[in-house]
PDB file of all heavy atoms in Angstrom:
ATOM      1  N   LEU A   1       4.725  -6.674   1.973  1.00  0.00           N
ATOM      2  CA  LEU A   1       3.684  -7.945   1.778  1.00  0.00           C
ATOM      3  C   LEU A   1       4.220  -9.159   2.008  1.00  0.00           C
ATOM      4  O   LEU A   1       3.641  -9.865   2.730  1.00  0.00           O
ATOM      5  CB  LEU A   1       2.893  -7.832   0.463  1.00  0.00           C
ATOM      6  CG  LEU A   1       1.850  -8.861   0.319  1.00  0.00           C
ATOM      7  CD1 LEU A   1       0.765  -8.825   1.300  1.00  0.00           C
ATOM      8  CD2 LEU A   1       1.375  -8.726  -1.103  1.00  0.00           C
ATOM      9  N   ASP A   2       5.293  -9.560   1.350  1.00  0.00           N
ATOM     10  CA  ASP A   2       5.923 -10.788   1.628  1.00  0.00           C
ATOM     11  C   ASP A   2       6.194 -11.175   3.054  1.00  0.00           C
ATOM     12  O   ASP A   2       6.149 -12.242   3.457  1.00  0.00           O
ATOM     13  CB  ASP A   2       7.080 -11.166   0.631  1.00  0.00           C
ATOM     14  CG  ASP A   2       6.565 -11.201  -0.840  1.00  0.00           C
ATOM     15  OD1 ASP A   2       5.432 -11.668  -1.064  1.00  0.00           O
ATOM     16  OD2 ASP A   2       7.382 -11.003  -1.713  1.00  0.00           O
ATOM     17  N   GLU A   3       6.882 -10.220   3.666  1.00  0.00           N
ATOM     18  CA  GLU A   3       7.194 -10.227   5.059  1.00  0.00           C
ATOM     19  C   GLU A   3       6.158 -10.484   6.010  1.00  0.00           C
ATOM     20  O   GLU A   3       6.168 -11.317   6.837  1.00  0.00           O
ATOM     21  CB  GLU A   3       8.188  -9.233   5.523  1.00  0.00           C
ATOM     22  CG  GLU A   3       9.404  -8.992   4.887  1.00  0.00           C
ATOM     23  CD  GLU A   3      10.211  -7.750   5.311  1.00  0.00           C
ATOM     24  OE1 GLU A   3      10.345  -7.481   6.507  1.00  0.00           O
ATOM     25  OE2 GLU A   3      10.610  -7.003   4.441  1.00  0.00           O
ATOM     26  N   VAL A   4       5.036  -9.734   5.760  1.00  0.00           N
ATOM     27  CA  VAL A   4       3.794  -9.902   6.593  1.00  0.00           C
ATOM     28  C   VAL A   4       3.212 -11.292   6.355  1.00  0.00           C
ATOM     29  O   VAL A   4       2.879 -11.972   7.277  1.00  0.00           O
ATOM     30  CB  VAL A   4       2.897  -8.753   6.286  1.00  0.00           C
ATOM     31  CG1 VAL A   4       1.501  -9.076   6.955  1.00  0.00           C
ATOM     32  CG2 VAL A   4       3.376  -7.415   6.772  1.00  0.00           C
ATOM     33  N   LYS A   5       3.122 -11.797   5.007  1.00  0.00           N
ATOM     34  CA  LYS A   5       2.448 -13.013   4.793  1.00  0.00           C
ATOM     35  C   LYS A   5       3.325 -14.188   5.503  1.00  0.00           C
ATOM     36  O   LYS A   5       2.794 -14.951   6.098  1.00  0.00           O
ATOM     37  CB  LYS A   5       2.496 -13.241   3.242  1.00  0.00           C
ATOM     38  CG  LYS A   5       1.384 -12.690   2.600  1.00  0.00           C
ATOM     39  CD  LYS A   5       1.254 -13.083   1.134  1.00  0.00           C
ATOM     40  CE  LYS A   5       2.489 -13.557   0.382  1.00  0.00           C
ATOM     41  NZ  LYS A   5       2.350 -13.739  -0.982  1.00  0.00           N
ATOM     42  N   GLU A   6       4.604 -14.133   5.460  1.00  0.00           N
ATOM     43  CA  GLU A   6       5.507 -15.056   6.070  1.00  0.00           C
ATOM     44  C   GLU A   6       5.216 -15.079   7.532  1.00  0.00           C
ATOM     45  O   GLU A   6       5.213 -16.160   8.248  1.00  0.00           O
ATOM     46  CB  GLU A   6       6.989 -14.839   5.642  1.00  0.00           C
ATOM     47  CG  GLU A   6       7.912 -15.818   6.200  1.00  0.00           C
ATOM     48  CD  GLU A   6       7.733 -17.328   5.786  1.00  0.00           C
ATOM     49  OE1 GLU A   6       7.219 -17.522   4.601  1.00  0.00           O
ATOM     50  OE2 GLU A   6       7.872 -18.256   6.473  1.00  0.00           O
ATOM     51  N   ALA A   7       5.109 -13.827   8.227  1.00  0.00           N
ATOM     52  CA  ALA A   7       5.008 -13.682   9.570  1.00  0.00           C
ATOM     53  C   ALA A   7       3.663 -14.311  10.045  1.00  0.00           C
ATOM     54  O   ALA A   7       3.554 -14.913  11.105  1.00  0.00           O
ATOM     55  CB  ALA A   7       5.191 -12.225  10.012  1.00  0.00           C
ATOM     56  N   LEU A   8       2.612 -14.093   9.278  1.00  0.00           N
ATOM     57  CA  LEU A   8       1.300 -14.629   9.642  1.00  0.00           C
ATOM     58  C   LEU A   8       1.441 -16.196   9.514  1.00  0.00           C
ATOM     59  O   LEU A   8       0.880 -16.827  10.397  1.00  0.00           O
ATOM     60  CB  LEU A   8       0.304 -14.006   8.727  1.00  0.00           C
ATOM     61  CG  LEU A   8      -0.120 -12.606   8.967  1.00  0.00           C
ATOM     62  CD1 LEU A   8      -0.955 -12.094   7.859  1.00  0.00           C
ATOM     63  CD2 LEU A   8      -0.837 -12.468  10.368  1.00  0.00           C
ATOM     64  N   HIS A   9       2.111 -16.595   8.504  1.00  0.00           N
ATOM     65  CA  HIS A   9       2.098 -18.065   8.319  1.00  0.00           C
ATOM     66  C   HIS A   9       2.905 -18.710   9.507  1.00  0.00           C
ATOM     67  O   HIS A   9       2.499 -19.750  10.053  1.00  0.00           O
ATOM     68  CB  HIS A   9       2.975 -18.436   6.948  1.00  0.00           C
ATOM     69  CG  HIS A   9       3.027 -19.812   6.835  1.00  0.00           C
ATOM     70  ND1 HIS A   9       2.038 -20.703   6.458  1.00  0.00           N
ATOM     71  CD2 HIS A   9       4.177 -20.712   6.873  1.00  0.00           C
ATOM     72  CE1 HIS A   9       2.390 -21.890   6.465  1.00  0.00           C
ATOM     73  NE2 HIS A   9       3.762 -21.999   6.633  1.00  0.00           N
ATOM     74  N   GLU A  10       4.016 -18.161   9.869  1.00  0.00           N
ATOM     75  CA  GLU A  10       4.758 -18.575  11.070  1.00  0.00           C
ATOM     76  C   GLU A  10       4.009 -18.481  12.338  1.00  0.00           C
ATOM     77  O   GLU A  10       4.366 -19.296  13.294  1.00  0.00           O
ATOM     78  CB  GLU A  10       6.169 -17.840  11.160  1.00  0.00           C
ATOM     79  CG  GLU A  10       7.156 -18.103  10.096  1.00  0.00           C
ATOM     80  CD  GLU A  10       8.345 -17.255  10.200  1.00  0.00           C
ATOM     81  OE1 GLU A  10       8.555 -16.481  11.127  1.00  0.00           O
ATOM     82  OE2 GLU A  10       9.251 -17.443   9.192  1.00  0.00           O
ATOM     83  N   ALA A  11       3.053 -17.564  12.415  1.00  0.00           N
ATOM     84  CA  ALA A  11       2.266 -17.351  13.758  1.00  0.00           C
ATOM     85  C   ALA A  11       1.052 -18.496  13.658  1.00  0.00           C
ATOM     86  O   ALA A  11       0.336 -18.422  14.570  1.00  0.00           O
ATOM     87  CB  ALA A  11       1.738 -15.982  13.699  1.00  0.00           C
ATOM     88  N   GLY A  12       0.989 -19.237  12.571  1.00  0.00           N
ATOM     89  CA  GLY A  12       0.028 -20.215  12.525  1.00  0.00           C
ATOM     90  C   GLY A  12      -1.338 -19.730  12.004  1.00  0.00           C
ATOM     91  O   GLY A  12      -2.400 -20.418  12.132  1.00  0.00           O
ATOM     92  N   LEU A  13      -1.331 -18.725  11.302  1.00  0.00           N
ATOM     93  CA  LEU A  13      -2.597 -18.161  10.791  1.00  0.00           C
ATOM     94  C   LEU A  13      -2.528 -18.499   9.335  1.00  0.00           C
ATOM     95  O   LEU A  13      -1.561 -18.323   8.561  1.00  0.00           O
ATOM     96  CB  LEU A  13      -2.632 -16.587  10.987  1.00  0.00           C
ATOM     97  CG  LEU A  13      -2.819 -16.254  12.461  1.00  0.00           C
ATOM     98  CD1 LEU A  13      -2.028 -15.147  12.789  1.00  0.00           C
ATOM     99  CD2 LEU A  13      -4.296 -16.019  12.718  1.00  0.00           C
ATOM    100  N   GLN A  14      -3.801 -18.724   8.768  1.00  0.00           N
ATOM    101  CA  GLN A  14      -3.937 -19.041   7.318  1.00  0.00           C
ATOM    102  C   GLN A  14      -5.187 -18.368   6.724  1.00  0.00           C
ATOM    103  O   GLN A  14      -5.933 -18.144   7.425  1.00  0.00           O
ATOM    104  CB  GLN A  14      -4.039 -20.539   7.116  1.00  0.00           C
ATOM    105  CG  GLN A  14      -5.091 -21.291   7.875  1.00  0.00           C
ATOM    106  CD  GLN A  14      -4.940 -22.693   7.696  1.00  0.00           C
ATOM    107  OE1 GLN A  14      -4.289 -23.301   6.902  1.00  0.00           O
ATOM    108  NE2 GLN A  14      -5.902 -23.482   8.406  1.00  0.00           N
ATOM    109  N   GLY A  15      -5.039 -18.137   5.483  1.00  0.00           N
ATOM    110  CA  GLY A  15      -6.263 -17.482   4.872  1.00  0.00           C
ATOM    111  C   GLY A  15      -6.232 -16.027   5.038  1.00  0.00           C
ATOM    112  O   GLY A  15      -6.517 -15.462   6.097  1.00  0.00           O
ATOM    113  N   LEU A  16      -5.965 -15.333   3.961  1.00  0.00           N
ATOM    114  CA  LEU A  16      -6.127 -13.787   4.078  1.00  0.00           C
ATOM    115  C   LEU A  16      -6.339 -13.326   2.542  1.00  0.00           C
ATOM    116  O   LEU A  16      -6.209 -14.135   1.587  1.00  0.00           O
ATOM    117  CB  LEU A  16      -4.823 -13.208   4.403  1.00  0.00           C
ATOM    118  CG  LEU A  16      -3.636 -13.423   3.538  1.00  0.00           C
ATOM    119  CD1 LEU A  16      -2.973 -12.069   3.136  1.00  0.00           C
ATOM    120  CD2 LEU A  16      -2.492 -14.162   4.255  1.00  0.00           C
ATOM    121  N   THR A  17      -6.947 -12.096   2.517  1.00  0.00           N
ATOM    122  CA  THR A  17      -7.203 -11.444   1.300  1.00  0.00           C
ATOM    123  C   THR A  17      -6.351 -10.329   1.113  1.00  0.00           C
ATOM    124  O   THR A  17      -6.145  -9.537   2.110  1.00  0.00           O
ATOM    125  CB  THR A  17      -8.729 -10.948   1.327  1.00  0.00           C
ATOM    126  OG1 THR A  17      -9.588 -12.215   1.452  1.00  0.00           O
ATOM    127  CG2 THR A  17      -9.194 -10.254  -0.025  1.00  0.00           C
ATOM    128  N   VAL A  18      -5.784  -9.994  -0.096  1.00  0.00           N
ATOM    129  CA  VAL A  18      -4.857  -8.910  -0.335  1.00  0.00           C
ATOM    130  C   VAL A  18      -5.491  -8.016  -1.448  1.00  0.00           C
ATOM    131  O   VAL A  18      -5.842  -8.622  -2.418  1.00  0.00           O
ATOM    132  CB  VAL A  18      -3.348  -9.425  -0.679  1.00  0.00           C
ATOM    133  CG1 VAL A  18      -2.498  -8.238  -0.929  1.00  0.00           C
ATOM    134  CG2 VAL A  18      -2.876 -10.305   0.476  1.00  0.00           C
ATOM    135  N   THR A  19      -5.503  -6.794  -1.315  1.00  0.00           N
ATOM    136  CA  THR A  19      -5.908  -5.860  -2.208  1.00  0.00           C
ATOM    137  C   THR A  19      -4.978  -4.688  -2.455  1.00  0.00           C
ATOM    138  O   THR A  19      -4.442  -4.070  -1.410  1.00  0.00           O
ATOM    139  CB  THR A  19      -7.308  -5.305  -1.817  1.00  0.00           C
ATOM    140  OG1 THR A  19      -8.224  -6.232  -1.378  1.00  0.00           O
ATOM    141  CG2 THR A  19      -8.111  -4.486  -2.935  1.00  0.00           C
ATOM    142  N   GLU A  20      -4.724  -4.286  -3.705  1.00  0.00           N
ATOM    143  CA  GLU A  20      -3.984  -3.206  -3.912  1.00  0.00           C
ATOM    144  C   GLU A  20      -4.889  -1.954  -3.772  1.00  0.00           C
ATOM    145  O   GLU A  20      -5.903  -1.912  -4.472  1.00  0.00           O
ATOM    146  CB  GLU A  20      -3.253  -3.221  -5.307  1.00  0.00           C
ATOM    147  CG  GLU A  20      -2.232  -4.351  -5.481  1.00  0.00           C
ATOM    148  CD  GLU A  20      -1.628  -4.463  -6.791  1.00  0.00           C
ATOM    149  OE1 GLU A  20      -1.869  -3.494  -7.603  1.00  0.00           O
ATOM    150  OE2 GLU A  20      -0.916  -5.474  -7.120  1.00  0.00           O
ATOM    151  N   VAL A  21      -4.445  -0.952  -2.913  1.00  0.00           N
ATOM    152  CA  VAL A  21      -5.239   0.179  -2.600  1.00  0.00           C
ATOM    153  C   VAL A  21      -4.346   1.427  -2.693  1.00  0.00           C
ATOM    154  O   VAL A  21      -3.250   1.372  -2.957  1.00  0.00           O
ATOM    155  CB  VAL A  21      -5.944   0.161  -1.290  1.00  0.00           C
ATOM    156  CG1 VAL A  21      -6.873  -1.053  -1.344  1.00  0.00           C
ATOM    157  CG2 VAL A  21      -4.983   0.128  -0.237  1.00  0.00           C
ATOM    158  N   LYS A  22      -5.003   2.574  -2.793  1.00  0.00           N
ATOM    159  CA  LYS A  22      -4.242   3.808  -2.748  1.00  0.00           C
ATOM    160  C   LYS A  22      -4.934   4.707  -1.680  1.00  0.00           C
ATOM    161  O   LYS A  22      -5.932   4.655  -1.461  1.00  0.00           O
ATOM    162  CB  LYS A  22      -4.315   4.544  -4.273  1.00  0.00           C
ATOM    163  CG  LYS A  22      -3.602   3.878  -5.235  1.00  0.00           C
ATOM    164  CD  LYS A  22      -3.758   4.827  -6.584  1.00  0.00           C
ATOM    165  CE  LYS A  22      -2.835   4.035  -7.608  1.00  0.00           C
ATOM    166  NZ  LYS A  22      -2.539   4.858  -8.729  1.00  0.00           N
ATOM    167  N   GLY A  23      -4.039   5.466  -1.035  1.00  0.00           N
ATOM    168  CA  GLY A  23      -4.490   6.394   0.006  1.00  0.00           C
ATOM    169  C   GLY A  23      -3.432   7.238   0.606  1.00  0.00           C
ATOM    170  O   GLY A  23      -2.289   7.177   0.154  1.00  0.00           O
ATOM    171  N   PHE A  24      -3.716   7.972   1.598  1.00  0.00           N
ATOM    172  CA  PHE A  24      -2.759   8.780   2.291  1.00  0.00           C
ATOM    173  C   PHE A  24      -3.266   8.991   3.778  1.00  0.00           C
ATOM    174  O   PHE A  24      -4.398   8.783   4.090  1.00  0.00           O
ATOM    175  CB  PHE A  24      -2.537  10.103   1.643  1.00  0.00           C
ATOM    176  CG  PHE A  24      -3.684  11.036   1.707  1.00  0.00           C
ATOM    177  CD1 PHE A  24      -3.828  11.918   2.940  1.00  0.00           C
ATOM    178  CD2 PHE A  24      -4.647  11.108   0.765  1.00  0.00           C
ATOM    179  CE1 PHE A  24      -4.959  12.849   2.964  1.00  0.00           C
ATOM    180  CE2 PHE A  24      -5.771  12.015   0.958  1.00  0.00           C
ATOM    181  CZ  PHE A  24      -5.886  12.886   1.936  1.00  0.00           C
ATOM    182  N   GLY A  25      -2.279   9.150   4.577  1.00  0.00           N
ATOM    183  CA  GLY A  25      -2.476   9.493   5.963  1.00  0.00           C
ATOM    184  C   GLY A  25      -1.848  10.751   6.379  1.00  0.00           C
ATOM    185  O   GLY A  25      -1.857  11.676   5.801  1.00  0.00           O
ATOM    186  N   HIS A  26      -0.994  10.644   7.368  1.00  0.00           N
ATOM    187  CA  HIS A  26      -0.256  11.902   7.819  1.00  0.00           C
ATOM    188  C   HIS A  26       0.711  12.287   6.796  1.00  0.00           C
ATOM    189  O   HIS A  26       1.064  13.609   6.838  1.00  0.00           O
ATOM    190  CB  HIS A  26       0.436  11.664   9.138  1.00  0.00           C
ATOM    191  CG  HIS A  26      -0.431  11.460  10.319  1.00  0.00           C
ATOM    192  ND1 HIS A  26      -1.009  12.546  10.903  1.00  0.00           N
ATOM    193  CD2 HIS A  26      -0.932  10.396  10.994  1.00  0.00           C
ATOM    194  CE1 HIS A  26      -1.886  11.954  11.826  1.00  0.00           C
ATOM    195  NE2 HIS A  26      -1.725  10.697  12.043  1.00  0.00           N
ATOM    196  N   GLN A  27       1.301  11.450   5.930  1.00  0.00           N
ATOM    197  CA  GLN A  27       2.238  11.890   5.075  1.00  0.00           C
ATOM    198  C   GLN A  27       1.705  12.825   3.871  1.00  0.00           C
ATOM    199  O   GLN A  27       2.320  13.547   3.212  1.00  0.00           O
ATOM    200  CB  GLN A  27       3.058  10.832   4.417  1.00  0.00           C
ATOM    201  CG  GLN A  27       2.457   9.987   3.405  1.00  0.00           C
ATOM    202  CD  GLN A  27       2.091   8.590   3.792  1.00  0.00           C
ATOM    203  OE1 GLN A  27       1.450   8.406   4.924  1.00  0.00           O
ATOM    204  NE2 GLN A  27       2.420   7.652   3.014  1.00  0.00           N
ATOM    205  N   LYS A  28       0.363  12.691   3.587  1.00  0.00           N
ATOM    206  CA  LYS A  28      -0.326  13.498   2.613  1.00  0.00           C
ATOM    207  C   LYS A  28       0.353  13.514   1.265  1.00  0.00           C
ATOM    208  O   LYS A  28       0.230  14.436   0.613  1.00  0.00           O
ATOM    209  CB  LYS A  28      -0.544  14.782   3.138  1.00  0.00           C
ATOM    210  CG  LYS A  28      -1.448  14.995   4.467  1.00  0.00           C
ATOM    211  CD  LYS A  28      -1.483  16.395   4.774  1.00  0.00           C
ATOM    212  CE  LYS A  28      -2.413  16.436   6.065  1.00  0.00           C
ATOM    213  NZ  LYS A  28      -1.768  16.158   7.239  1.00  0.00           N
ATOM    214  N   GLY A  29       0.934  12.366   0.908  1.00  0.00           N
ATOM    215  CA  GLY A  29       1.530  12.310  -0.495  1.00  0.00           C
ATOM    216  C   GLY A  29       2.837  12.990  -0.551  1.00  0.00           C
ATOM    217  O   GLY A  29       3.436  13.330   0.369  1.00  0.00           O
ATOM    218  N   HIS A  30       3.359  13.193  -1.838  1.00  0.00           N
ATOM    219  CA  HIS A  30       4.649  13.868  -2.017  1.00  0.00           C
ATOM    220  C   HIS A  30       4.580  14.507  -3.424  1.00  0.00           C
ATOM    221  O   HIS A  30       3.825  14.195  -4.211  1.00  0.00           O
ATOM    222  CB  HIS A  30       5.728  12.740  -1.924  1.00  0.00           C
ATOM    223  CG  HIS A  30       5.739  11.730  -2.736  1.00  0.00           C
ATOM    224  ND1 HIS A  30       4.949  10.599  -2.638  1.00  0.00           N
ATOM    225  CD2 HIS A  30       6.260  11.540  -3.948  1.00  0.00           C
ATOM    226  CE1 HIS A  30       5.228   9.724  -3.639  1.00  0.00           C
ATOM    227  NE2 HIS A  30       5.830  10.351  -4.559  1.00  0.00           N
ATOM    228  N   THR A  31       5.717  15.244  -3.658  1.00  0.00           N
ATOM    229  CA  THR A  31       5.822  15.854  -4.966  1.00  0.00           C
ATOM    230  C   THR A  31       6.975  15.235  -5.754  1.00  0.00           C
ATOM    231  O   THR A  31       8.012  14.747  -5.281  1.00  0.00           O
ATOM    232  CB  THR A  31       6.291  17.408  -4.783  1.00  0.00           C
ATOM    233  OG1 THR A  31       5.341  17.997  -3.910  1.00  0.00           O
ATOM    234  CG2 THR A  31       6.378  18.150  -6.036  1.00  0.00           C
ATOM    235  N   GLU A  32       6.632  15.070  -6.982  1.00  0.00           N
ATOM    236  CA  GLU A  32       7.634  14.409  -8.040  1.00  0.00           C
ATOM    237  C   GLU A  32       7.876  15.247  -9.114  1.00  0.00           C
ATOM    238  O   GLU A  32       7.065  16.077  -9.415  1.00  0.00           O
ATOM    239  CB  GLU A  32       7.050  13.016  -8.388  1.00  0.00           C
ATOM    240  CG  GLU A  32       7.042  12.007  -7.268  1.00  0.00           C
ATOM    241  CD  GLU A  32       6.798  10.557  -7.779  1.00  0.00           C
ATOM    242  OE1 GLU A  32       6.616  10.304  -9.034  1.00  0.00           O
ATOM    243  OE2 GLU A  32       6.675   9.707  -7.020  1.00  0.00           O
ATOM    244  N   LEU A  33       8.943  14.990  -9.943  1.00  0.00           N
ATOM    245  CA  LEU A  33       9.216  15.787 -10.950  1.00  0.00           C
ATOM    246  C   LEU A  33       9.233  14.803 -12.158  1.00  0.00           C
ATOM    247  O   LEU A  33       9.820  13.787 -12.107  1.00  0.00           O
ATOM    248  CB  LEU A  33      10.810  16.266 -10.810  1.00  0.00           C
ATOM    249  CG  LEU A  33      11.268  17.348 -11.792  1.00  0.00           C
ATOM    250  CD1 LEU A  33      10.282  18.658 -11.654  1.00  0.00           C
ATOM    251  CD2 LEU A  33      12.639  17.709 -11.573  1.00  0.00           C
ATOM    252  N   TYR A  34       8.518  15.198 -13.222  1.00  0.00           N
ATOM    253  CA  TYR A  34       8.350  14.312 -14.393  1.00  0.00           C
ATOM    254  C   TYR A  34       8.566  15.241 -15.641  1.00  0.00           C
ATOM    255  O   TYR A  34       7.767  16.050 -15.868  1.00  0.00           O
ATOM    256  CB  TYR A  34       7.036  13.613 -14.466  1.00  0.00           C
ATOM    257  CG  TYR A  34       6.896  12.736 -15.680  1.00  0.00           C
ATOM    258  CD1 TYR A  34       7.454  11.604 -15.799  1.00  0.00           C
ATOM    259  CD2 TYR A  34       5.968  13.150 -16.749  1.00  0.00           C
ATOM    260  CE1 TYR A  34       7.354  10.789 -16.893  1.00  0.00           C
ATOM    261  CE2 TYR A  34       5.776  12.311 -17.810  1.00  0.00           C
ATOM    262  CZ  TYR A  34       6.410  11.218 -17.880  1.00  0.00           C
ATOM    263  OH  TYR A  34       6.291  10.425 -19.135  1.00  0.00           O
ATOM    264  N   ARG A  35       9.611  15.036 -16.434  1.00  0.00           N
ATOM    265  CA  ARG A  35       9.811  15.758 -17.702  1.00  0.00           C
ATOM    266  C   ARG A  35       9.993  17.250 -17.293  1.00  0.00           C
ATOM    267  O   ARG A  35       9.331  18.083 -18.242  1.00  0.00           O
ATOM    268  CB  ARG A  35       8.932  15.447 -18.793  1.00  0.00           C
ATOM    269  CG  ARG A  35       9.097  13.951 -19.319  1.00  0.00           C
ATOM    270  CD  ARG A  35       8.232  13.824 -20.421  1.00  0.00           C
ATOM    271  NE  ARG A  35       8.423  12.353 -21.031  1.00  0.00           N
ATOM    272  CZ  ARG A  35       7.942  11.984 -22.160  1.00  0.00           C
ATOM    273  NH1 ARG A  35       7.084  12.640 -22.853  1.00  0.00           N
ATOM    274  NH2 ARG A  35       8.149  10.624 -22.377  1.00  0.00           N
ATOM    275  N   GLY A  36      10.520  17.655 -16.341  1.00  0.00           N
ATOM    276  CA  GLY A  36      10.593  19.005 -15.928  1.00  0.00           C
ATOM    277  C   GLY A  36       9.437  19.638 -15.240  1.00  0.00           C
ATOM    278  O   GLY A  36       9.642  20.701 -14.755  1.00  0.00           O
ATOM    279  N   ALA A  37       8.296  18.927 -15.124  1.00  0.00           N
ATOM    280  CA  ALA A  37       7.163  19.444 -14.476  1.00  0.00           C
ATOM    281  C   ALA A  37       7.055  18.838 -13.192  1.00  0.00           C
ATOM    282  O   ALA A  37       7.256  17.596 -13.042  1.00  0.00           O
ATOM    283  CB  ALA A  37       5.972  19.228 -15.378  1.00  0.00           C
ATOM    284  N   GLU A  38       6.770  19.677 -12.173  1.00  0.00           N
ATOM    285  CA  GLU A  38       6.381  19.154 -10.784  1.00  0.00           C
ATOM    286  C   GLU A  38       5.018  18.819 -10.591  1.00  0.00           C
ATOM    287  O   GLU A  38       4.188  19.573 -11.009  1.00  0.00           O
ATOM    288  CB  GLU A  38       6.865  20.197  -9.837  1.00  0.00           C
ATOM    289  CG  GLU A  38       7.005  19.717  -8.389  1.00  0.00           C
ATOM    290  CD  GLU A  38       7.751  20.753  -7.443  1.00  0.00           C
ATOM    291  OE1 GLU A  38       8.995  20.826  -7.545  1.00  0.00           O
ATOM    292  OE2 GLU A  38       6.947  21.453  -6.795  1.00  0.00           O
ATOM    293  N   TYR A  39       4.746  17.769  -9.965  1.00  0.00           N
ATOM    294  CA  TYR A  39       3.245  17.420  -9.748  1.00  0.00           C
ATOM    295  C   TYR A  39       3.198  16.588  -8.502  1.00  0.00           C
ATOM    296  O   TYR A  39       4.095  16.122  -7.886  1.00  0.00           O
ATOM    297  CB  TYR A  39       2.695  16.561 -10.864  1.00  0.00           C
ATOM    298  CG  TYR A  39       3.245  15.209 -11.022  1.00  0.00           C
ATOM    299  CD1 TYR A  39       2.570  14.090 -10.388  1.00  0.00           C
ATOM    300  CD2 TYR A  39       4.406  14.906 -11.683  1.00  0.00           C
ATOM    301  CE1 TYR A  39       3.220  12.836 -10.463  1.00  0.00           C
ATOM    302  CE2 TYR A  39       5.059  13.763 -11.780  1.00  0.00           C
ATOM    303  CZ  TYR A  39       4.286  12.616 -11.435  1.00  0.00           C
ATOM    304  OH  TYR A  39       4.866  11.329 -11.429  1.00  0.00           O
ATOM    305  N   VAL A  40       1.968  16.729  -7.889  1.00  0.00           N
ATOM    306  CA  VAL A  40       1.850  16.216  -6.565  1.00  0.00           C
ATOM    307  C   VAL A  40       1.044  14.780  -6.730  1.00  0.00           C
ATOM    308  O   VAL A  40       0.178  14.559  -7.356  1.00  0.00           O
ATOM    309  CB  VAL A  40       0.899  17.021  -5.702  1.00  0.00           C
ATOM    310  CG1 VAL A  40       0.602  16.346  -4.323  1.00  0.00           C
ATOM    311  CG2 VAL A  40       1.515  18.509  -5.423  1.00  0.00           C
ATOM    312  N   VAL A  41       1.780  13.709  -5.957  1.00  0.00           N
ATOM    313  CA  VAL A  41       1.094  12.548  -5.882  1.00  0.00           C
ATOM    314  C   VAL A  41       0.469  12.376  -4.418  1.00  0.00           C
ATOM    315  O   VAL A  41       1.197  12.279  -3.589  1.00  0.00           O
ATOM    316  CB  VAL A  41       2.312  11.333  -6.050  1.00  0.00           C
ATOM    317  CG1 VAL A  41       1.649  10.031  -5.827  1.00  0.00           C
ATOM    318  CG2 VAL A  41       2.956  11.515  -7.347  1.00  0.00           C
ATOM    319  N   ASP A  42      -0.778  12.573  -4.413  1.00  0.00           N
ATOM    320  CA  ASP A  42      -1.479  12.684  -3.135  1.00  0.00           C
ATOM    321  C   ASP A  42      -2.109  11.303  -2.702  1.00  0.00           C
ATOM    322  O   ASP A  42      -2.561  11.124  -1.544  1.00  0.00           O
ATOM    323  CB  ASP A  42      -2.408  13.678  -3.050  1.00  0.00           C
ATOM    324  CG  ASP A  42      -3.517  13.617  -4.174  1.00  0.00           C
ATOM    325  OD1 ASP A  42      -3.453  12.808  -4.960  1.00  0.00           O
ATOM    326  OD2 ASP A  42      -4.468  14.441  -4.202  1.00  0.00           O
ATOM    327  N   LEU A  43      -2.267  10.377  -3.689  1.00  0.00           N
ATOM    328  CA  LEU A  43      -2.591   8.951  -3.310  1.00  0.00           C
ATOM    329  C   LEU A  43      -1.541   7.979  -3.490  1.00  0.00           C
ATOM    330  O   LEU A  43      -1.111   7.728  -4.677  1.00  0.00           O
ATOM    331  CB  LEU A  43      -3.864   8.559  -4.093  1.00  0.00           C
ATOM    332  CG  LEU A  43      -5.174   9.493  -3.821  1.00  0.00           C
ATOM    333  CD1 LEU A  43      -6.363   9.040  -4.855  1.00  0.00           C
ATOM    334  CD2 LEU A  43      -5.575   9.169  -2.495  1.00  0.00           C
ATOM    335  N   LEU A  44      -1.070   7.438  -2.427  1.00  0.00           N
ATOM    336  CA  LEU A  44       0.209   6.560  -2.482  1.00  0.00           C
ATOM    337  C   LEU A  44      -0.291   5.176  -2.506  1.00  0.00           C
ATOM    338  O   LEU A  44      -1.308   4.743  -1.915  1.00  0.00           O
ATOM    339  CB  LEU A  44       1.066   6.796  -1.249  1.00  0.00           C
ATOM    340  CG  LEU A  44       1.560   8.293  -1.089  1.00  0.00           C
ATOM    341  CD1 LEU A  44       2.192   8.470   0.213  1.00  0.00           C
ATOM    342  CD2 LEU A  44       2.424   8.623  -2.165  1.00  0.00           C
ATOM    343  N   PRO A  45       0.426   4.326  -3.246  1.00  0.00           N
ATOM    344  CA  PRO A  45       0.096   2.840  -3.335  1.00  0.00           C
ATOM    345  C   PRO A  45       0.267   2.146  -2.013  1.00  0.00           C
ATOM    346  O   PRO A  45       1.355   2.412  -1.351  1.00  0.00           O
ATOM    347  CB  PRO A  45       1.064   2.335  -4.428  1.00  0.00           C
ATOM    348  CG  PRO A  45       2.076   3.318  -4.475  1.00  0.00           C
ATOM    349  CD  PRO A  45       1.605   4.632  -4.115  1.00  0.00           C
TER     350      PRO A  45
END
């Protein structure tokens, strides 16, 4: 995010809205291990 904001500023663009979202595309999430239990994180920040 910070790199993109800086690049837009350097390109002469101003004014933007930023939203934290969750989703997935081709990667379809991933598997994590928590306290010995495996679970799927299918919506990535």
